[in-house]
Every structure is written in structure tokens, then in C-alpha cells.
Amino acid sequence: MSRRLVLGLALVAIAFCIVADASAQVAKRFGGFSVVCDDSLHCAATVQAVNPDKASVFVLSRAPESRARWAASISTLGVLADRDRPVALSVDNGVDITLRPVSDYAPFVNPSDYYIVSPTALDRLMLQVQRGHMLRFSFIDIAGAPHSDRFPLDGLAPALNEIDRQQGRIPGDRRAGPPVGLPEAPDVDVAAHLVAAGVPPRLLELHLASAACETPDAADIADTKPLIGALSETATLYALPCFRSAEGIASRLYLIESGEIGGMTPLLFAGFSDRLGWYGVDVLFDVAYDPQSRRLEGRGADDHGCPFRGRWTFADTAFRLDALSAGTACGAGATDWKDVYPPR
């Protein structure tokens, strides 16, 4: 590993240490910014987002070499941005600087560290942040949710001047460039990341908007975990516990699409009873999903307790009904089953 790479990685680590412990003795505060330099005089000025639910960080860093330029990056510590989508920067709600994937911005070292690599965008950004008061970073995360992180710029000028002083550089050199010597970030297993991340807050809000569903900490369902599974490279299934009845735990199911169109969709499934014929249901009991085969199983009942059980497979953009059986008796107790689909 090259010396430059080692130092570059060290710089990234230092920036994160500042966020974790702004009171460290090596850090100096200038308004909202913290400045720290390592023993080799690789220096970083960092500021955290003011969003109450975010820990994102805007970083301007520079190596000590006389020709080194400022590198600009944003680390989304709470969520991962969808690296296949454009992102946008703006200062004081001015005209956006739109950054395209790969050509204008890219993740280095860690999947959540996004560096600006476009010289034109860097020149424009450096000019604007020195004159502005608030930097906004807008992006779509890998679950398809929009975000807008805001970074206060007060203290930026003295922070950069302090780095000039510590590095012995001519004051006011604000030339910027893409990162040098840093490795590209590894690819992200989006499906695994979404499963590990749990239920997105915006989905929980939609789920609880239904009067029929209890809160996740309700005594009847508190011990039941949501089911989360990958449907495709861009789609994820969420089955959230809704209520408990004599039939068991009822779950509402949702699809979150993070592709080009994106969206969050409650799912409906076909049920059948001799009383009603075919009808739609928005909850299923005993939900099971196999991400390898993309097969979903569950059961339900109409409002008279006439049960059905079904099996579906996710195909392209929706669940396809594979098989459905209906109970020959309604209400509690054992029942015989008859195949409804495919017809025999």
C-alpha cells in the first residue's frame, strides 16, 4: 500500500474521529466547523448536518504537498445514497449543482463517502461555499426515499485559514480537485443492507396511518418482527405486523421500489370464499417469503371467517398468483380445503 494511500485513509479516519469526539485536543472549532491535522499535516475541516435525524458530514480536506488541492466530500452516516442516481448541491437555496454518478461524484474508501470528482463542479462549489451560509445536499437513498441534508457554513473561512497556517501554505489558496490515492468504495449488497437497516421511518408512518393497525410496541404484536426480503435488485418486500386475532398475527405487506421510478406501494392480494367469490385483502396471516424463489405464502379470511390460503411468486414488478385454496367451512375450527386456482 502506497504512502499516499495510507495517509489518505488516515485522513478519512481523522475526519470521522472529529465527528465522534469534537472535544479531542487536536481539534479546533470555528463556528460549526472542526479542524484537525494528523502528524503528517493531512488536514480536514468538517461540519455536521443540522437535520435532527441526520449525522451526515461535509468535509474539505487537503494533503500537505505544495501542489495538493482541496478534496470535497459528504458522508451520509445514517443512510446510503443510491450511487446510480444524480445528487444535487446548492448554497443558500440557489441554483443546484447537479452531480451525475461516476462522472461528477463517486464513493471512495467507504460506500457512504461521496467525493466530488468533477473539476467544474468543484470550482463552482468552492466559490459558493465561501460566500454562502447554508449548503444543501439532496439525494435519493437506496430504498428510494428523498433526503435533504443542510450544513451551516459559518466558520468555514477561519477553518480553512487555520489549515493554511498549519500546512505553511499561502493564505487563500482554494483550488480544489478530485481525491488522489484513495481506493474506490466496494460495491454494496443493497438487499442485505435494506434487511439490516430495518423498516424505513416513512414506511412506518404509512403503516400506522391505517386505523386497523396497532403500533409496533403494542402488547399483542411487540414480539413479532417485521419480515423484510429482496424481491429484485431494486424492489424490497416488507410485511409489518398489524394486529392479532383468533387467526393469529395479521400483516400488511408493502413493496418499496428504489429504481428509476421508485415508490412505496401497499400490496393487495386475491382471496376467495363461496359467499363472496373473488375479493381483495390487504392483510395476510402466517406470512412466509423465500427470497431465493421469490415465493410468498400466506392465508386470510373474509369478514365471516371463511378462510383461504395462497401462494404467489414475484415476477418483474408484481406478485403472480400461483395457487389458492378455499376452506369449505367458515369460522373457527378445522376445515377441508378445495383448490380454487388453478382450477381442477
Protein backbone atom coordinates (compact mmCIF):
# COMPACT_ATOMS: atom_id res chain seq x y z
CA MET A 1 0.00 0.00 0.00
CA SER A 2 1.42 3.37 -1.01
CA ARG A 3 2.28 6.09 1.48
CA ARG A 4 -0.23 8.41 -0.15
CA LEU A 5 -2.97 5.82 0.16
CA VAL A 6 -2.16 5.16 3.80
CA LEU A 7 -2.25 8.87 4.55
CA GLY A 8 -5.47 9.27 2.62
CA LEU A 9 -7.11 6.55 4.65
CA ALA A 10 -5.79 8.10 7.82
CA LEU A 11 -7.32 11.42 6.86
CA VAL A 12 -10.72 9.85 6.40
CA ALA A 13 -10.39 8.18 9.81
CA ILE A 14 -9.44 11.52 11.38
CA ALA A 15 -12.49 13.20 9.91
CA PHE A 16 -14.74 10.59 11.47
CA CYS A 17 -12.97 10.89 14.80
CA ILE A 18 -13.84 14.57 14.82
CA VAL A 19 -17.50 13.74 14.36
CA ALA A 20 -17.37 11.15 17.11
CA ASP A 21 -15.43 13.37 19.53
CA ALA A 22 -15.30 17.04 18.68
CA SER A 23 -13.65 17.73 22.02
CA ALA A 24 -10.43 15.90 21.06
CA GLN A 25 -7.38 18.02 21.86
CA VAL A 26 -6.18 18.02 18.25
CA ALA A 27 -9.44 19.51 17.01
CA LYS A 28 -10.08 23.24 16.83
CA ARG A 29 -13.55 24.75 16.50
CA PHE A 30 -14.51 27.56 14.13
CA GLY A 31 -18.26 28.13 14.21
CA GLY A 32 -19.83 24.88 13.09
CA PHE A 33 -16.54 23.53 11.71
CA SER A 34 -13.89 21.38 13.35
CA VAL A 35 -10.32 21.37 12.08
CA VAL A 36 -7.79 18.62 12.70
CA CYS A 37 -4.44 17.73 11.19
CA ASP A 38 -2.52 14.48 11.63
CA ASP A 39 1.22 14.23 12.29
CA SER A 40 1.89 14.38 8.54
CA LEU A 41 -0.20 17.57 8.23
CA HIS A 42 -3.03 15.98 6.28
CA CYS A 43 -5.84 18.27 7.41
CA ALA A 44 -9.64 18.25 7.32
CA ALA A 45 -12.37 20.78 8.09
CA THR A 46 -15.68 19.07 8.90
CA VAL A 47 -19.22 20.15 9.74
CA GLN A 48 -22.21 18.04 10.68
CA ALA A 49 -25.66 18.38 9.15
CA VAL A 50 -28.17 20.31 11.24
CA ASN A 51 -31.01 17.90 10.40
CA PRO A 52 -32.20 16.47 13.74
CA ASP A 53 -32.31 12.91 12.38
CA LYS A 54 -29.01 13.02 10.48
CA ALA A 55 -25.33 12.61 11.26
CA SER A 56 -24.07 13.41 7.76
CA VAL A 57 -20.78 15.27 7.46
CA PHE A 58 -19.40 17.72 4.89
CA VAL A 59 -15.60 17.53 4.65
CA LEU A 60 -13.00 19.72 2.97
CA SER A 61 -9.59 18.05 3.23
CA ARG A 62 -6.11 18.70 1.84
CA ALA A 63 -2.77 16.89 1.79
CA PRO A 64 0.38 18.79 2.84
CA GLU A 65 2.17 18.70 -0.52
CA SER A 66 2.63 22.12 -2.11
CA ARG A 67 0.55 21.22 -5.16
CA ALA A 68 -2.21 19.39 -3.27
CA ARG A 69 -5.74 20.65 -3.77
CA TRP A 70 -8.83 20.60 -1.61
CA ALA A 71 -11.00 17.48 -1.80
CA ALA A 72 -14.72 17.89 -1.08
CA SER A 73 -16.84 15.03 0.20
CA ILE A 74 -20.06 14.29 2.06
CA SER A 75 -20.50 11.21 4.24
CA THR A 76 -24.10 10.08 4.73
CA LEU A 77 -23.59 8.26 8.00
CA GLY A 78 -27.27 7.46 8.55
CA VAL A 79 -28.28 6.10 5.14
CA LEU A 80 -26.68 5.15 1.85
CA ALA A 81 -27.32 7.29 -1.20
CA ASP A 82 -28.26 5.47 -4.39
CA ARG A 83 -24.97 5.82 -6.23
CA ASP A 84 -26.71 5.26 -9.59
CA ARG A 85 -28.78 8.45 -9.30
CA PRO A 86 -27.78 12.11 -9.66
CA VAL A 87 -27.42 14.17 -6.49
CA ALA A 88 -27.64 17.94 -6.07
CA LEU A 89 -25.82 20.63 -4.09
CA SER A 90 -26.98 24.19 -3.58
CA VAL A 91 -25.90 27.11 -1.42
CA ASP A 92 -28.47 29.43 0.17
CA ASN A 93 -31.24 27.85 -1.97
CA GLY A 94 -29.55 29.00 -5.15
CA VAL A 95 -29.35 27.13 -8.44
CA ASP A 96 -28.48 23.48 -7.89
CA ILE A 97 -25.17 21.96 -8.82
CA THR A 98 -26.35 18.64 -10.27
CA LEU A 99 -23.81 15.84 -9.97
CA ARG A 100 -24.06 12.76 -12.17
CA PRO A 101 -22.85 9.36 -10.95
CA VAL A 102 -19.28 8.40 -11.84
CA SER A 103 -18.51 11.45 -13.97
CA ASP A 104 -19.27 14.07 -11.29
CA TYR A 105 -19.24 12.20 -7.99
CA ALA A 106 -18.27 8.76 -6.71
CA PRO A 107 -17.80 6.94 -3.38
CA PHE A 108 -14.24 6.33 -2.20
CA VAL A 109 -12.95 4.20 0.71
CA ASN A 110 -16.42 3.64 2.24
CA PRO A 111 -19.76 3.26 0.39
CA SER A 112 -21.14 6.26 2.29
CA ASP A 113 -18.26 8.68 1.49
CA TYR A 114 -19.19 10.62 -1.66
CA TYR A 115 -16.45 12.71 -3.27
CA ILE A 116 -16.93 15.32 -5.97
CA VAL A 117 -14.69 14.44 -8.91
CA SER A 118 -15.84 17.00 -11.49
CA PRO A 119 -13.36 19.92 -11.68
CA THR A 120 -16.08 22.26 -12.92
CA ALA A 121 -18.43 21.35 -10.06
CA LEU A 122 -15.60 21.66 -7.54
CA ASP A 123 -14.61 25.13 -8.73
CA ARG A 124 -18.22 26.30 -8.58
CA LEU A 125 -18.81 24.75 -5.14
CA MET A 126 -15.65 26.22 -3.60
CA LEU A 127 -16.63 29.67 -4.81
CA GLN A 128 -20.18 29.39 -3.45
CA VAL A 129 -19.45 27.91 -0.03
CA GLN A 130 -17.02 30.72 0.78
CA ARG A 131 -19.77 33.27 0.18
CA GLY A 132 -22.81 31.40 1.49
CA HIS A 133 -24.44 30.50 4.78
CA MET A 134 -26.02 27.07 4.22
CA LEU A 135 -25.10 24.14 1.96
CA ARG A 136 -27.87 21.71 1.00
CA PHE A 137 -27.20 18.18 -0.25
CA SER A 138 -30.19 16.44 -1.88
CA PHE A 139 -30.19 12.75 -2.76
CA ILE A 140 -32.29 9.60 -3.03
CA ASP A 141 -31.29 6.72 -0.77
CA ILE A 142 -31.09 3.06 -1.80
CA ALA A 143 -34.63 2.49 -0.51
CA GLY A 144 -35.96 5.22 -2.81
CA ALA A 145 -36.52 7.85 -0.11
CA PRO A 146 -35.59 11.53 -0.73
CA HIS A 147 -33.25 13.35 1.66
CA SER A 148 -32.05 16.92 2.01
CA ASP A 149 -29.12 17.44 4.39
CA ARG A 150 -28.21 21.00 5.42
CA PHE A 151 -24.74 22.08 6.53
CA PRO A 152 -24.14 25.51 8.15
CA LEU A 153 -21.16 27.30 6.60
CA ASP A 154 -20.40 29.69 9.45
CA GLY A 155 -16.77 29.31 10.46
CA LEU A 156 -15.63 27.90 7.11
CA ALA A 157 -13.30 30.78 6.22
CA PRO A 158 -11.32 30.75 9.51
CA ALA A 159 -11.28 26.93 9.44
CA LEU A 160 -9.61 26.88 6.02
CA ASN A 161 -7.28 29.67 7.07
CA GLU A 162 -6.21 27.56 10.06
CA ILE A 163 -5.34 24.69 7.71
CA ASP A 164 -3.34 27.12 5.55
CA ARG A 165 -1.46 28.19 8.67
CA GLN A 166 -0.72 24.67 9.92
CA GLN A 167 0.43 23.50 6.48
CA GLY A 168 2.51 26.62 5.89
CA ARG A 169 0.64 27.37 2.70
CA ILE A 170 -0.03 30.70 1.03
CA PRO A 171 -3.26 32.00 2.61
CA GLY A 172 -6.34 31.83 0.44
CA ASP A 173 -5.38 29.00 -1.94
CA ARG A 174 -8.81 27.44 -2.53
CA ARG A 175 -8.12 25.35 -5.62
CA ALA A 176 -9.94 22.01 -5.46
CA GLY A 177 -9.55 18.68 -7.19
CA PRO A 178 -10.71 15.05 -7.10
CA PRO A 179 -9.30 12.75 -4.41
CA VAL A 180 -5.82 11.39 -5.07
CA GLY A 181 -4.68 7.94 -3.94
CA LEU A 182 -7.95 6.81 -2.38
CA PRO A 183 -9.46 3.42 -3.35
CA GLU A 184 -12.90 3.21 -4.86
CA ALA A 185 -15.56 2.14 -2.37
CA PRO A 186 -16.66 -1.50 -2.54
CA ASP A 187 -20.00 -2.40 -4.08
CA VAL A 188 -22.98 -2.58 -1.75
CA ASP A 189 -25.27 -5.59 -1.36
CA VAL A 190 -28.38 -3.44 -1.44
CA ALA A 191 -30.77 -6.23 -0.48
CA ALA A 192 -28.71 -7.24 2.55
CA HIS A 193 -28.27 -3.61 3.59
CA LEU A 194 -32.02 -2.94 3.45
CA VAL A 195 -32.78 -6.02 5.52
CA ALA A 196 -30.20 -4.98 8.12
CA ALA A 197 -31.50 -1.39 8.17
CA GLY A 198 -35.00 -2.43 9.24
CA VAL A 199 -38.24 -0.61 8.48
CA PRO A 200 -37.81 2.86 6.90
CA PRO A 201 -39.47 5.60 9.02
CA ARG A 202 -41.60 6.79 6.10
CA LEU A 203 -42.99 3.26 5.65
CA LEU A 204 -43.82 3.00 9.33
CA GLU A 205 -45.72 6.29 9.06
CA LEU A 206 -47.75 4.94 6.14
CA HIS A 207 -48.39 1.69 8.00
CA LEU A 208 -49.63 3.40 11.15
CA ALA A 209 -51.90 5.68 9.14
CA SER A 210 -54.24 2.68 8.89
CA ALA A 211 -56.67 2.72 11.80
CA ALA A 212 -56.72 -1.08 11.77
CA CYS A 213 -53.03 -1.45 12.62
CA GLU A 214 -51.61 -1.31 16.12
CA THR A 215 -48.31 0.36 16.98
CA PRO A 216 -45.24 -1.92 16.83
CA ASP A 217 -44.87 -1.83 20.63
CA ALA A 218 -48.46 -2.93 21.30
CA ALA A 219 -48.54 -5.90 23.68
CA ASP A 220 -50.26 -8.19 21.15
CA ILE A 221 -47.62 -7.82 18.45
CA ALA A 222 -44.49 -6.45 20.17
CA ASP A 223 -42.72 -9.80 19.96
CA THR A 224 -43.37 -10.20 16.22
CA LYS A 225 -40.59 -8.97 13.95
CA PRO A 226 -41.26 -7.46 10.51
CA LEU A 227 -40.45 -9.66 7.53
CA ILE A 228 -38.09 -7.99 5.05
CA GLY A 229 -36.91 -9.64 1.84
CA ALA A 230 -35.40 -8.75 -1.52
CA LEU A 231 -37.76 -9.05 -4.48
CA SER A 232 -35.32 -7.87 -7.14
CA GLU A 233 -32.24 -5.66 -7.45
CA THR A 234 -34.42 -2.60 -6.90
CA ALA A 235 -37.52 -3.88 -5.05
CA THR A 236 -37.92 -4.93 -1.41
CA LEU A 237 -40.82 -6.64 0.37
CA TYR A 238 -41.88 -5.53 3.86
CA ALA A 239 -44.51 -7.43 5.88
CA LEU A 240 -45.32 -5.41 9.01
CA PRO A 241 -47.39 -6.86 11.88
CA CYS A 242 -50.77 -5.13 12.01
CA PHE A 243 -52.89 -6.84 14.68
CA ARG A 244 -53.51 -10.14 16.43
CA SER A 245 -56.80 -12.02 16.19
CA ALA A 246 -58.04 -15.56 16.73
CA GLU A 247 -56.47 -16.36 13.35
CA GLY A 248 -53.02 -15.25 14.51
CA ILE A 249 -50.85 -12.28 13.52
CA ALA A 250 -52.11 -10.26 10.56
CA SER A 251 -49.54 -8.38 8.49
CA ARG A 252 -49.81 -5.66 5.91
CA LEU A 253 -47.40 -6.04 3.01
CA TYR A 254 -45.62 -3.30 1.12
CA LEU A 255 -43.30 -3.02 -1.85
CA ILE A 256 -40.59 -0.35 -1.91
CA GLU A 257 -39.08 0.25 -5.33
CA SER A 258 -35.75 2.09 -5.47
CA GLY A 259 -35.29 2.00 -9.24
CA GLU A 260 -35.66 4.81 -11.75
CA ILE A 261 -39.35 5.34 -10.94
CA GLY A 262 -39.26 4.39 -7.27
CA GLY A 263 -42.18 4.40 -4.87
CA MET A 264 -43.80 2.77 -1.86
CA THR A 265 -46.88 0.63 -2.54
CA PRO A 266 -49.27 -1.22 -0.18
CA LEU A 267 -49.97 -4.67 -1.62
CA LEU A 268 -53.38 -6.28 -2.16
CA PHE A 269 -53.97 -10.00 -2.65
CA ALA A 270 -56.80 -12.07 -4.05
CA GLY A 271 -58.94 -14.09 -1.65
CA PHE A 272 -61.89 -16.40 -2.33
CA SER A 273 -64.94 -17.67 -0.49
CA ASP A 274 -68.14 -19.34 -1.64
CA ARG A 275 -70.06 -16.45 -0.10
CA LEU A 276 -68.24 -13.62 -1.90
CA GLY A 277 -66.38 -15.27 -4.76
CA TRP A 278 -63.14 -13.44 -5.54
CA TYR A 279 -62.28 -10.39 -3.42
CA GLY A 280 -59.24 -8.39 -2.35
CA VAL A 281 -57.49 -8.40 1.03
CA ASP A 282 -54.87 -6.03 2.42
CA VAL A 283 -53.66 -8.29 5.26
CA LEU A 284 -52.36 -11.85 5.33
CA PHE A 285 -51.77 -14.25 8.22
CA ASP A 286 -48.74 -16.52 8.70
CA VAL A 287 -46.74 -14.74 6.02
CA ALA A 288 -43.64 -16.56 4.76
CA TYR A 289 -41.29 -15.44 2.00
CA ASP A 290 -38.35 -17.17 0.30
CA PRO A 291 -36.03 -14.63 -1.41
CA GLN A 292 -34.35 -17.35 -3.47
CA SER A 293 -37.52 -18.45 -5.24
CA ARG A 294 -39.27 -15.10 -4.62
CA ARG A 295 -42.24 -17.11 -3.40
CA LEU A 296 -44.73 -15.75 -0.85
CA GLU A 297 -47.20 -17.79 1.18
CA GLY A 298 -49.99 -16.64 3.45
CA ARG A 299 -53.60 -17.08 4.39
CA GLY A 300 -56.61 -14.90 5.03
CA ALA A 301 -60.37 -14.85 5.53
CA ASP A 302 -63.41 -12.80 4.62
CA ASP A 303 -65.39 -10.93 7.29
CA HIS A 304 -67.39 -14.09 8.07
CA GLY A 305 -64.25 -16.08 8.80
CA CYS A 306 -64.30 -18.08 5.55
CA PRO A 307 -60.61 -18.92 5.10
CA PHE A 308 -58.29 -19.18 2.13
CA ARG A 309 -54.59 -19.89 1.69
CA GLY A 310 -52.43 -18.90 -1.24
CA ARG A 311 -49.03 -18.91 -2.84
CA TRP A 312 -47.61 -16.13 -5.01
CA THR A 313 -44.35 -15.54 -6.90
CA PHE A 314 -42.87 -12.12 -7.57
CA ALA A 315 -42.42 -11.67 -11.32
CA ASP A 316 -40.91 -8.49 -12.77
CA THR A 317 -42.97 -5.87 -10.93
CA ALA A 318 -45.80 -7.67 -9.11
CA PHE A 319 -46.85 -10.86 -7.37
CA ARG A 320 -48.34 -13.54 -9.61
CA LEU A 321 -50.92 -15.87 -8.09
CA ASP A 322 -49.65 -19.47 -8.33
CA ALA A 323 -52.21 -21.36 -6.27
CA LEU A 324 -55.15 -20.65 -3.97
CA SER A 325 -57.34 -22.95 -1.88
CA ALA A 326 -60.54 -22.02 -0.06
CA GLY A 327 -61.94 -23.56 3.12
CA THR A 328 -65.19 -25.50 2.88
CA ALA A 329 -66.33 -24.24 6.30
CA CYS A 330 -66.33 -20.79 7.90
CA GLY A 331 -65.43 -19.74 11.41
CA ALA A 332 -63.05 -21.26 13.92
CA GLY A 333 -62.09 -24.91 13.78
CA ALA A 334 -60.78 -27.37 11.25
CA THR A 335 -61.86 -27.19 7.62
CA ASP A 336 -61.35 -29.11 4.45
CA TRP A 337 -59.77 -27.30 1.52
CA LYS A 338 -60.72 -27.11 -2.12
CA ASP A 339 -58.47 -25.87 -4.91
CA VAL A 340 -59.80 -22.69 -6.48
CA TYR A 341 -56.80 -21.68 -8.61
CA PRO A 342 -55.63 -23.14 -10.84
CA PRO A 343 -58.99 -24.78 -11.38
CA ARG A 344 -59.01 -28.58 -11.29
